[in-house]
Amino acid sequence: MDERGLWELFCKTGLPAVWLALAGEREERSRQWEELAKTAFQPRMEEV
């Protein structure tokens, strides 16, 4: 099977949508961890 046939098969199976969904999920999880790391080590600000 040539490369074009593989791309057609890839698109017909719906794998591009699945791949994009998984990539988005990974990005969202990494953002959550980055935010937790930023907020976990902030100095405490006590109100006077």
N, C-alpha and C. Protein backbone atom coordinates (compact mmCIF):
# COMPACT_ATOMS: atom_id res chain seq x y z
N MET A 1 0.85 -1.17 0.00
CA MET A 1 0.00 0.00 0.00
C MET A 1 0.90 1.24 0.00
N ASP A 2 0.59 2.18 -0.85
CA ASP A 2 1.39 3.40 -0.91
C ASP A 2 1.01 4.35 0.22
N GLU A 3 1.76 5.41 0.36
CA GLU A 3 1.55 6.36 1.46
C GLU A 3 0.17 7.00 1.40
N ARG A 4 -0.29 7.30 0.21
CA ARG A 4 -1.61 7.93 0.06
C ARG A 4 -2.71 7.01 0.58
N GLY A 5 -2.59 5.74 0.30
CA GLY A 5 -3.57 4.78 0.79
C GLY A 5 -3.58 4.69 2.30
N LEU A 6 -2.41 4.79 2.90
CA LEU A 6 -2.33 4.76 4.36
C LEU A 6 -3.02 5.98 4.97
N TRP A 7 -2.82 7.15 4.36
CA TRP A 7 -3.47 8.36 4.88
C TRP A 7 -4.98 8.26 4.74
N GLU A 8 -5.44 7.74 3.63
CA GLU A 8 -6.89 7.57 3.44
C GLU A 8 -7.46 6.63 4.50
N LEU A 9 -6.77 5.53 4.74
CA LEU A 9 -7.21 4.58 5.77
C LEU A 9 -7.21 5.24 7.15
N PHE A 10 -6.17 5.99 7.43
CA PHE A 10 -6.04 6.69 8.70
C PHE A 10 -7.23 7.63 8.91
N CYS A 11 -7.59 8.39 7.88
CA CYS A 11 -8.69 9.35 7.98
C CYS A 11 -10.05 8.65 8.06
N LYS A 12 -10.22 7.57 7.35
CA LYS A 12 -11.50 6.85 7.35
C LYS A 12 -11.79 6.19 8.70
N THR A 13 -10.76 5.81 9.42
CA THR A 13 -10.95 5.14 10.70
C THR A 13 -11.31 6.11 11.82
N GLY A 14 -11.15 7.41 11.60
CA GLY A 14 -11.44 8.39 12.65
C GLY A 14 -10.28 8.60 13.60
N LEU A 15 -9.15 8.02 13.30
CA LEU A 15 -8.00 8.17 14.19
C LEU A 15 -7.51 9.61 14.34
N PRO A 16 -7.60 10.46 13.32
CA PRO A 16 -7.15 11.84 13.54
C PRO A 16 -7.93 12.53 14.66
N ALA A 17 -9.23 12.32 14.73
CA ALA A 17 -10.04 12.94 15.78
C ALA A 17 -9.65 12.41 17.15
N VAL A 18 -9.40 11.13 17.23
CA VAL A 18 -8.99 10.53 18.50
C VAL A 18 -7.64 11.07 18.92
N TRP A 19 -6.72 11.14 17.99
CA TRP A 19 -5.38 11.64 18.29
C TRP A 19 -5.45 13.09 18.79
N LEU A 20 -6.25 13.93 18.13
CA LEU A 20 -6.37 15.32 18.55
C LEU A 20 -7.00 15.42 19.94
N ALA A 21 -7.98 14.58 20.22
CA ALA A 21 -8.61 14.59 21.54
C ALA A 21 -7.61 14.20 22.63
N LEU A 22 -6.83 13.18 22.37
CA LEU A 22 -5.83 12.76 23.35
C LEU A 22 -4.75 13.82 23.55
N ALA A 23 -4.32 14.44 22.47
CA ALA A 23 -3.31 15.50 22.58
C ALA A 23 -3.85 16.66 23.40
N GLY A 24 -5.09 17.03 23.18
CA GLY A 24 -5.70 18.11 23.95
C GLY A 24 -5.82 17.76 25.42
N GLU A 25 -6.17 16.52 25.70
CA GLU A 25 -6.29 16.06 27.09
C GLU A 25 -4.93 16.12 27.79
N ARG A 26 -3.88 15.67 27.10
CA ARG A 26 -2.53 15.73 27.68
C ARG A 26 -2.12 17.17 27.98
N GLU A 27 -2.42 18.07 27.05
CA GLU A 27 -2.06 19.47 27.24
C GLU A 27 -2.80 20.07 28.43
N GLU A 28 -4.07 19.75 28.56
CA GLU A 28 -4.87 20.26 29.68
C GLU A 28 -4.33 19.75 31.01
N ARG A 29 -3.98 18.47 31.07
CA ARG A 29 -3.43 17.92 32.31
C ARG A 29 -2.09 18.56 32.66
N SER A 30 -1.25 18.82 31.67
CA SER A 30 0.04 19.43 31.97
C SER A 30 -0.15 20.85 32.47
N ARG A 31 -1.16 21.57 31.95
CA ARG A 31 -1.44 22.93 32.44
C ARG A 31 -1.89 22.89 33.90
N GLN A 32 -2.71 21.90 34.25
CA GLN A 32 -3.17 21.79 35.63
C GLN A 32 -1.99 21.56 36.57
N TRP A 33 -1.06 20.70 36.18
CA TRP A 33 0.10 20.43 37.02
C TRP A 33 0.99 21.66 37.13
N GLU A 34 1.15 22.40 36.04
CA GLU A 34 1.96 23.61 36.08
C GLU A 34 1.34 24.63 37.03
N GLU A 35 0.02 24.76 36.98
CA GLU A 35 -0.65 25.71 37.87
C GLU A 35 -0.50 25.28 39.32
N LEU A 36 -0.64 24.00 39.60
CA LEU A 36 -0.46 23.52 40.97
C LEU A 36 0.96 23.81 41.47
N ALA A 37 1.93 23.62 40.60
CA ALA A 37 3.31 23.88 40.99
C ALA A 37 3.53 25.36 41.28
N LYS A 38 2.89 26.22 40.51
CA LYS A 38 3.04 27.66 40.73
C LYS A 38 2.38 28.09 42.04
N THR A 39 1.22 27.54 42.32
CA THR A 39 0.49 27.99 43.52
C THR A 39 0.99 27.29 44.78
N ALA A 40 1.57 26.13 44.68
CA ALA A 40 2.00 25.39 45.87
C ALA A 40 3.20 26.03 46.55
N PHE A 41 3.99 26.77 45.83
CA PHE A 41 5.22 27.30 46.39
C PHE A 41 5.21 28.82 46.52
N GLN A 42 4.05 29.40 46.58
CA GLN A 42 3.94 30.83 46.75
C GLN A 42 4.12 31.18 48.24
N PRO A 43 4.78 32.29 48.52
CA PRO A 43 4.90 32.68 49.94
C PRO A 43 3.53 33.05 50.50
N ARG A 44 3.36 32.80 51.77
CA ARG A 44 2.08 33.14 52.39
C ARG A 44 2.03 34.65 52.63
N MET A 45 0.94 35.22 52.23
CA MET A 45 0.73 36.64 52.42
C MET A 45 -0.33 36.80 53.50
N GLU A 46 0.09 37.25 54.67
CA GLU A 46 -0.86 37.43 55.76
C GLU A 46 -1.35 38.86 55.75
N GLU A 47 -2.65 39.00 55.92
CA GLU A 47 -3.22 40.34 55.96
C GLU A 47 -3.00 40.95 57.34
N VAL A 48 -2.67 42.23 57.34
CA VAL A 48 -2.39 42.92 58.60
C VAL A 48 -3.60 43.72 59.01
